[in-house]
PDB file of N, CA and C in Angstrom:
ATOM      1  N   MET A   1      19.544   9.946 140.116  1.00  0.00           N
ATOM      2  CA  MET A   1      19.979   9.466 138.915  1.00  0.00           C
ATOM      3  C   MET A   1      19.098   9.708 137.655  1.00  0.00           C
ATOM      4  N   ILE A   2      17.890   9.815 137.853  1.00  0.00           N
ATOM      5  CA  ILE A   2      16.928  10.151 136.797  1.00  0.00           C
ATOM      6  C   ILE A   2      17.201  11.486 136.209  1.00  0.00           C
ATOM      7  N   TYR A   3      17.553  12.420 137.254  1.00  0.00           N
ATOM      8  CA  TYR A   3      17.866  13.836 136.801  1.00  0.00           C
ATOM      9  C   TYR A   3      18.919  13.965 135.897  1.00  0.00           C
ATOM     10  N   VAL A   4      19.958  13.030 135.889  1.00  0.00           N
ATOM     11  CA  VAL A   4      20.996  13.002 134.994  1.00  0.00           C
ATOM     12  C   VAL A   4      20.535  12.674 133.659  1.00  0.00           C
ATOM     13  N   PHE A   5      19.624  11.823 133.556  1.00  0.00           N
ATOM     14  CA  PHE A   5      19.154  11.415 132.182  1.00  0.00           C
ATOM     15  C   PHE A   5      18.228  12.653 131.628  1.00  0.00           C
ATOM     16  N   PHE A   6      17.520  13.272 132.534  1.00  0.00           N
ATOM     17  CA  PHE A   6      16.751  14.483 132.046  1.00  0.00           C
ATOM     18  C   PHE A   6      17.686  15.552 131.572  1.00  0.00           C
ATOM     19  N   GLY A   7      18.783  15.788 132.155  1.00  0.00           N
ATOM     20  CA  GLY A   7      19.874  16.670 131.757  1.00  0.00           C
ATOM     21  C   GLY A   7      20.440  16.297 130.417  1.00  0.00           C
ATOM     22  N   ILE A   8      20.771  15.001 130.271  1.00  0.00           N
ATOM     23  CA  ILE A   8      21.242  14.566 128.900  1.00  0.00           C
ATOM     24  C   ILE A   8      20.262  14.857 127.836  1.00  0.00           C
ATOM     25  N   ILE A   9      18.949  14.519 128.134  1.00  0.00           N
ATOM     26  CA  ILE A   9      17.937  14.708 127.058  1.00  0.00           C
ATOM     27  C   ILE A   9      17.844  16.245 126.790  1.00  0.00           C
ATOM     28  N   ILE A  10      17.862  17.114 127.737  1.00  0.00           N
ATOM     29  CA  ILE A  10      17.841  18.433 127.469  1.00  0.00           C
ATOM     30  C   ILE A  10      18.980  18.968 126.585  1.00  0.00           C
ATOM     31  N   VAL A  11      20.124  18.496 126.773  1.00  0.00           N
ATOM     32  CA  VAL A  11      21.267  18.784 125.959  1.00  0.00           C
ATOM     33  C   VAL A  11      21.166  18.313 124.585  1.00  0.00           C
ATOM     34  N   ALA A  12      20.669  17.160 124.440  1.00  0.00           N
ATOM     35  CA  ALA A  12      20.369  16.536 123.143  1.00  0.00           C
ATOM     36  C   ALA A  12      19.331  17.426 122.386  1.00  0.00           C
ATOM     37  N   ILE A  13      18.249  17.865 123.105  1.00  0.00           N
ATOM     38  CA  ILE A  13      17.236  18.611 122.477  1.00  0.00           C
ATOM     39  C   ILE A  13      17.781  19.947 121.876  1.00  0.00           C
ATOM     40  N   VAL A  14      18.656  20.585 122.793  1.00  0.00           N
ATOM     41  CA  VAL A  14      19.271  21.867 122.373  1.00  0.00           C
ATOM     42  C   VAL A  14      20.167  21.678 121.069  1.00  0.00           C
ATOM     43  N   LEU A  15      20.939  20.599 121.057  1.00  0.00           N
ATOM     44  CA  LEU A  15      21.891  20.416 119.963  1.00  0.00           C
ATOM     45  C   LEU A  15      21.093  20.037 118.733  1.00  0.00           C
ATOM     46  N   ALA A  16      19.987  19.308 118.885  1.00  0.00           N
ATOM     47  CA  ALA A  16      19.187  18.967 117.629  1.00  0.00           C
ATOM     48  C   ALA A  16      18.515  20.197 117.102  1.00  0.00           C
ATOM     49  N   MET A  17      17.973  21.133 118.028  1.00  0.00           N
ATOM     50  CA  MET A  17      17.354  22.238 117.623  1.00  0.00           C
ATOM     51  C   MET A  17      18.346  23.273 117.043  1.00  0.00           C
ATOM     52  N   ILE A  18      19.614  23.328 117.388  1.00  0.00           N
ATOM     53  CA  ILE A  18      20.632  24.085 116.690  1.00  0.00           C
ATOM     54  C   ILE A  18      20.863  23.591 115.267  1.00  0.00           C
ATOM     55  N   ARG A  19      20.816  22.312 115.149  1.00  0.00           N
ATOM     56  CA  ARG A  19      21.004  21.699 113.748  1.00  0.00           C
ATOM     57  C   ARG A  19      19.781  21.996 112.918  1.00  0.00           C
ATOM     58  N   LEU A  20      18.601  21.953 113.537  1.00  0.00           N
ATOM     59  CA  LEU A  20      17.414  22.155 112.831  1.00  0.00           C
ATOM     60  C   LEU A  20      17.379  23.658 112.322  1.00  0.00           C
ATOM     61  N   ILE A  21      17.815  24.533 113.169  1.00  0.00           N
ATOM     62  CA  ILE A  21      17.788  25.990 112.677  1.00  0.00           C
ATOM     63  C   ILE A  21      18.815  26.324 111.654  1.00  0.00           C
ATOM     64  N   LEU A  22      20.070  25.852 111.939  1.00  0.00           N
ATOM     65  CA  LEU A  22      21.313  26.190 111.107  1.00  0.00           C
ATOM     66  C   LEU A  22      21.605  25.185 110.133  1.00  0.00           C
ATOM     67  N   GLY A  23      20.885  24.113 109.931  1.00  0.00           N
ATOM     68  CA  GLY A  23      21.119  23.177 108.915  1.00  0.00           C
ATOM     69  C   GLY A  23      21.248  23.840 107.609  1.00  0.00           C
ATOM     70  N   PRO A  24      22.428  23.527 106.822  1.00  0.00           N
ATOM     71  CA  PRO A  24      22.528  24.210 105.584  1.00  0.00           C
ATOM     72  C   PRO A  24      21.689  23.672 104.418  1.00  0.00           C
ATOM     73  N   THR A  25      21.208  22.445 104.507  1.00  0.00           N
ATOM     74  CA  THR A  25      20.360  21.924 103.437  1.00  0.00           C
ATOM     75  C   THR A  25      19.060  21.385 104.107  1.00  0.00           C
ATOM     76  N   THR A  26      18.154  21.252 103.242  1.00  0.00           N
ATOM     77  CA  THR A  26      16.807  20.658 103.793  1.00  0.00           C
ATOM     78  C   THR A  26      16.922  19.239 104.351  1.00  0.00           C
ATOM     79  N   PRO A  27      17.760  18.373 103.748  1.00  0.00           N
ATOM     80  CA  PRO A  27      17.759  16.985 104.335  1.00  0.00           C
ATOM     81  C   PRO A  27      18.502  16.971 105.700  1.00  0.00           C
ATOM     82  N   ASP A  28      19.374  18.015 105.961  1.00  0.00           N
ATOM     83  CA  ASP A  28      19.900  18.105 107.238  1.00  0.00           C
ATOM     84  C   ASP A  28      18.857  18.544 108.341  1.00  0.00           C
ATOM     85  N   ARG A  29      17.981  19.368 107.880  1.00  0.00           N
ATOM     86  CA  ARG A  29      16.867  19.757 108.786  1.00  0.00           C
ATOM     87  C   ARG A  29      15.882  18.575 109.046  1.00  0.00           C
ATOM     88  N   VAL A  30      15.639  17.771 108.010  1.00  0.00           N
ATOM     89  CA  VAL A  30      14.854  16.546 108.122  1.00  0.00           C
ATOM     90  C   VAL A  30      15.391  15.631 109.202  1.00  0.00           C
ATOM     91  N   VAL A  31      16.752  15.390 109.069  1.00  0.00           N
ATOM     92  CA  VAL A  31      17.406  14.543 109.964  1.00  0.00           C
ATOM     93  C   VAL A  31      17.373  15.049 111.349  1.00  0.00           C
ATOM     94  N   ALA A  32      17.505  16.325 111.492  1.00  0.00           N
ATOM     95  CA  ALA A  32      17.381  16.984 112.887  1.00  0.00           C
ATOM     96  C   ALA A  32      16.013  16.833 113.438  1.00  0.00           C
ATOM     97  N   LEU A  33      15.011  17.001 112.573  1.00  0.00           N
ATOM     98  CA  LEU A  33      13.615  16.795 112.991  1.00  0.00           C
ATOM     99  C   LEU A  33      13.352  15.307 113.363  1.00  0.00           C
ATOM    100  N   ASP A  34      13.903  14.336 112.702  1.00  0.00           N
ATOM    101  CA  ASP A  34      13.830  12.939 113.011  1.00  0.00           C
ATOM    102  C   ASP A  34      14.516  12.792 114.320  1.00  0.00           C
ATOM    103  N   THR A  35      15.638  13.326 114.599  1.00  0.00           N
ATOM    104  CA  THR A  35      16.305  13.170 115.871  1.00  0.00           C
ATOM    105  C   THR A  35      15.569  13.818 116.984  1.00  0.00           C
ATOM    106  N   LEU A  36      14.900  14.858 116.750  1.00  0.00           N
ATOM    107  CA  LEU A  36      14.006  15.437 117.819  1.00  0.00           C
ATOM    108  C   LEU A  36      12.808  14.577 118.139  1.00  0.00           C
ATOM    109  N   THR A  37      12.329  13.930 117.194  1.00  0.00           N
ATOM    110  CA  THR A  37      11.191  12.896 117.313  1.00  0.00           C
ATOM    111  C   THR A  37      11.694  11.730 118.210  1.00  0.00           C
ATOM    112  N   THR A  38      12.924  11.259 117.896  1.00  0.00           N
ATOM    113  CA  THR A  38      13.561  10.191 118.646  1.00  0.00           C
ATOM    114  C   THR A  38      13.780  10.523 120.193  1.00  0.00           C
ATOM    115  N   ILE A  39      14.297  11.757 120.311  1.00  0.00           N
ATOM    116  CA  ILE A  39      14.592  12.344 121.630  1.00  0.00           C
ATOM    117  C   ILE A  39      13.252  12.542 122.395  1.00  0.00           C
ATOM    118  N   SER A  40      12.312  12.941 121.768  1.00  0.00           N
ATOM    119  CA  SER A  40      11.006  13.071 122.432  1.00  0.00           C
ATOM    120  C   SER A  40      10.377  11.855 122.764  1.00  0.00           C
ATOM    121  N   THR A  41      10.590  10.811 121.964  1.00  0.00           N
ATOM    122  CA  THR A  41      10.132   9.450 122.345  1.00  0.00           C
ATOM    123  C   THR A  41      10.800   8.990 123.645  1.00  0.00           C
ATOM    124  N   ALA A  42      12.117   9.156 123.684  1.00  0.00           N
ATOM    125  CA  ALA A  42      12.913   8.799 124.833  1.00  0.00           C
ATOM    126  C   ALA A  42      12.486   9.522 126.086  1.00  0.00           C
ATOM    127  N   LEU A  43      12.085  10.752 125.867  1.00  0.00           N
ATOM    128  CA  LEU A  43      11.622  11.605 126.961  1.00  0.00           C
ATOM    129  C   LEU A  43      10.300  11.175 127.549  1.00  0.00           C
ATOM    130  N   LEU A  44       9.322  10.762 126.616  1.00  0.00           N
ATOM    131  CA  LEU A  44       8.095  10.302 127.034  1.00  0.00           C
ATOM    132  C   LEU A  44       8.252   8.971 127.819  1.00  0.00           C
ATOM    133  N   VAL A  45       9.140   8.077 127.404  1.00  0.00           N
ATOM    134  CA  VAL A  45       9.301   6.885 128.036  1.00  0.00           C
ATOM    135  C   VAL A  45       9.966   7.140 129.473  1.00  0.00           C
ATOM    136  N   LEU A  46      10.936   8.105 129.524  1.00  0.00           N
ATOM    137  CA  LEU A  46      11.480   8.442 130.837  1.00  0.00           C
ATOM    138  C   LEU A  46      10.410   9.099 131.709  1.00  0.00           C
ATOM    139  N   LEU A  47       9.654   9.875 131.275  1.00  0.00           N
ATOM    140  CA  LEU A  47       8.555  10.461 132.109  1.00  0.00           C
ATOM    141  C   LEU A  47       7.609   9.374 132.547  1.00  0.00           C
ATOM    142  N   GLY A  48       7.209   8.367 131.760  1.00  0.00           N
ATOM    143  CA  GLY A  48       6.308   7.306 132.062  1.00  0.00           C
ATOM    144  C   GLY A  48       6.981   6.490 133.200  1.00  0.00           C
ATOM    145  N   LEU A  49       8.355   6.281 133.213  1.00  0.00           N
ATOM    146  CA  LEU A  49       9.026   5.531 134.323  1.00  0.00           C
ATOM    147  C   LEU A  49       8.999   6.446 135.503  1.00  0.00           C
ATOM    148  N   PHE A  50       9.294   7.736 135.356  1.00  0.00           N
ATOM    149  CA  PHE A  50       9.355   8.576 136.538  1.00  0.00           C
ATOM    150  C   PHE A  50       8.138   8.755 137.227  1.00  0.00           C
ATOM    151  N   PHE A  51       7.008   8.871 136.549  1.00  0.00           N
ATOM    152  CA  PHE A  51       5.719   9.123 137.176  1.00  0.00           C
ATOM    153  C   PHE A  51       4.930   7.783 137.364  1.00  0.00           C
ATOM    154  N   GLU A  52       5.551   6.714 136.899  1.00  0.00           N
ATOM    155  CA  GLU A  52       4.966   5.390 136.998  1.00  0.00           C
ATOM    156  C   GLU A  52       3.576   5.358 136.408  1.00  0.00           C
ATOM    157  N   ARG A  53       3.475   5.949 135.255  1.00  0.00           N
ATOM    158  CA  ARG A  53       2.285   6.033 134.436  1.00  0.00           C
ATOM    159  C   ARG A  53       2.543   5.462 133.034  1.00  0.00           C
ATOM    160  N   PHE A  54       2.177   4.245 132.765  1.00  0.00           N
ATOM    161  CA  PHE A  54       2.568   3.565 131.589  1.00  0.00           C
ATOM    162  C   PHE A  54       1.739   3.892 130.409  1.00  0.00           C
ATOM    163  N   ILE A  55       0.917   4.926 130.576  1.00  0.00           N
ATOM    164  CA  ILE A  55       0.159   5.434 129.301  1.00  0.00           C
ATOM    165  C   ILE A  55       1.126   6.269 128.489  1.00  0.00           C
ATOM    166  N   TYR A  56       2.171   6.836 129.156  1.00  0.00           N
ATOM    167  CA  TYR A  56       3.159   7.610 128.424  1.00  0.00           C
ATOM    168  C   TYR A  56       4.017   6.673 127.416  1.00  0.00           C
ATOM    169  N   ILE A  57       4.209   5.421 127.776  1.00  0.00           N
ATOM    170  CA  ILE A  57       4.980   4.552 127.086  1.00  0.00           C
ATOM    171  C   ILE A  57       4.070   4.148 125.775  1.00  0.00           C
ATOM    172  N   ASP A  58       2.806   4.026 125.954  1.00  0.00           N
ATOM    173  CA  ASP A  58       1.959   3.810 124.779  1.00  0.00           C
ATOM    174  C   ASP A  58       1.956   4.933 123.838  1.00  0.00           C
ATOM    175  N   VAL A  59       1.927   6.151 124.424  1.00  0.00           N
ATOM    176  CA  VAL A  59       1.903   7.372 123.509  1.00  0.00           C
ATOM    177  C   VAL A  59       3.142   7.482 122.854  1.00  0.00           C
ATOM    178  N   ALA A  60       4.305   7.025 123.516  1.00  0.00           N
ATOM    179  CA  ALA A  60       5.643   7.165 122.966  1.00  0.00           C
ATOM    180  C   ALA A  60       5.793   6.188 121.760  1.00  0.00           C
ATOM    181  N   LEU A  61       5.191   5.056 121.821  1.00  0.00           N
ATOM    182  CA  LEU A  61       5.221   4.008 120.785  1.00  0.00           C
ATOM    183  C   LEU A  61       4.434   4.658 119.485  1.00  0.00           C
ATOM    184  N   ILE A  62       3.239   5.204 119.742  1.00  0.00           N
ATOM    185  CA  ILE A  62       2.428   5.776 118.690  1.00  0.00           C
ATOM    186  C   ILE A  62       3.225   6.976 118.043  1.00  0.00           C
ATOM    187  N   TYR A  63       3.839   7.822 118.933  1.00  0.00           N
ATOM    188  CA  TYR A  63       4.658   8.954 118.384  1.00  0.00           C
ATOM    189  C   TYR A  63       5.808   8.542 117.590  1.00  0.00           C
ATOM    190  N   ALA A  64       6.421   7.438 117.925  1.00  0.00           N
ATOM    191  CA  ALA A  64       7.575   6.915 117.145  1.00  0.00           C
ATOM    192  C   ALA A  64       7.144   6.355 115.743  1.00  0.00           C
ATOM    193  N   VAL A  65       6.138   5.766 115.734  1.00  0.00           N
ATOM    194  CA  VAL A  65       5.476   5.243 114.487  1.00  0.00           C
ATOM    195  C   VAL A  65       5.145   6.412 113.539  1.00  0.00           C
ATOM    196  N   LEU A  66       4.495   7.376 114.152  1.00  0.00           N
ATOM    197  CA  LEU A  66       4.099   8.519 113.306  1.00  0.00           C
ATOM    198  C   LEU A  66       5.195   9.372 112.822  1.00  0.00           C
ATOM    199  N   GLY A  67       6.292   9.430 113.655  1.00  0.00           N
ATOM    200  CA  GLY A  67       7.507  10.118 113.292  1.00  0.00           C
ATOM    201  C   GLY A  67       8.185   9.353 112.087  1.00  0.00           C
ATOM    202  N   PHE A  68       8.173   8.066 112.205  1.00  0.00           N
ATOM    203  CA  PHE A  68       8.917   7.211 111.200  1.00  0.00           C
ATOM    204  C   PHE A  68       8.166   7.349 109.922  1.00  0.00           C
ATOM    205  N   VAL A  69       6.834   7.237 109.925  1.00  0.00           N
ATOM    206  CA  VAL A  69       6.064   7.369 108.633  1.00  0.00           C
ATOM    207  C   VAL A  69       6.300   8.888 108.095  1.00  0.00           C
ATOM    208  N   GLY A  70       6.304   9.836 108.917  1.00  0.00           N
ATOM    209  CA  GLY A  70       6.442  11.195 108.484  1.00  0.00           C
ATOM    210  C   GLY A  70       7.860  11.382 107.742  1.00  0.00           C
ATOM    211  N   VAL A  71       8.902  10.813 108.413  1.00  0.00           N
ATOM    212  CA  VAL A  71      10.148  10.954 107.690  1.00  0.00           C
ATOM    213  C   VAL A  71      10.322  10.114 106.444  1.00  0.00           C
ATOM    214  N   LEU A  72       9.610   8.974 106.416  1.00  0.00           N
ATOM    215  CA  LEU A  72       9.648   8.325 105.125  1.00  0.00           C
ATOM    216  C   LEU A  72       8.844   9.034 104.033  1.00  0.00           C
ATOM    217  N   THR A  73       7.725   9.684 104.416  1.00  0.00           N
ATOM    218  CA  THR A  73       7.024  10.539 103.481  1.00  0.00           C
ATOM    219  C   THR A  73       7.923  11.755 102.885  1.00  0.00           C
ATOM    220  N   VAL A  74       8.504  12.424 103.828  1.00  0.00           N
ATOM    221  CA  VAL A  74       9.353  13.500 103.417  1.00  0.00           C
ATOM    222  C   VAL A  74      10.503  13.121 102.533  1.00  0.00           C
ATOM    223  N   ALA A  75      11.090  11.925 102.882  1.00  0.00           N
ATOM    224  CA  ALA A  75      12.172  11.389 102.053  1.00  0.00           C
ATOM    225  C   ALA A  75      11.760  11.007 100.647  1.00  0.00           C
ATOM    226  N   ARG A  76      10.567  10.418 100.585  1.00  0.00           N
ATOM    227  CA  ARG A  76       9.989  10.033  99.337  1.00  0.00           C
ATOM    228  C   ARG A  76       9.680  11.348  98.527  1.00  0.00           C
ATOM    229  N   TYR A  77       9.225  12.323  99.144  1.00  0.00           N
ATOM    230  CA  TYR A  77       8.862  13.591  98.461  1.00  0.00           C
ATOM    231  C   TYR A  77      10.208  14.195  97.828  1.00  0.00           C
ATOM    232  N   PHE A  78      11.217  14.210  98.698  1.00  0.00           N
ATOM    233  CA  PHE A  78      12.543  14.824  98.182  1.00  0.00           C
ATOM    234  C   PHE A  78      13.165  13.947  97.111  1.00  0.00           C
ATOM    235  N   GLU A  79      12.859  12.699  97.207  1.00  0.00           N
ATOM    236  CA  GLU A  79      13.401  11.831  96.135  1.00  0.00           C
ATOM    237  C   GLU A  79      12.621  11.952  94.830  1.00  0.00           C
ATOM    238  N   GLY A  80      11.434  12.443  94.805  1.00  0.00           N
ATOM    239  CA  GLY A  80      10.651  12.732  93.660  1.00  0.00           C
ATOM    240  C   GLY A  80       9.669  11.510  93.378  1.00  0.00           C
ATOM    241  N   GLY A  81       9.373  10.666  94.371  1.00  0.00           N
ATOM    242  CA  GLY A  81       8.597   9.547  94.140  1.00  0.00           C
ATOM    243  C   GLY A  81       7.193   9.746  94.686  1.00  0.00           C
ATOM    244  N   LEU A  82       6.805  10.831  95.136  1.00  0.00           N
ATOM    245  CA  LEU A  82       5.477  11.041  95.702  1.00  0.00           C
ATOM    246  C   LEU A  82       4.462  11.540  94.663  1.00  0.00           C
TER     247      LEU A  82
END
């Protein structure tokens, strides 16, 4: 059953990478990068459950917070407020 989840995550990564490469505007690419961050966080949590190593979940939380702050920074930059 967990291999089905890995397959879904791989498909989501491929689709987000296509949007990142082909995105017509810069905000589209930023949203695709944020989506990849979210998918990577989900992958880390899934790996933590699969290997029964809960350090992956802690790393996923830190990665999610850094991704959120990064997207906020880029959004403020594009808005002209930085």
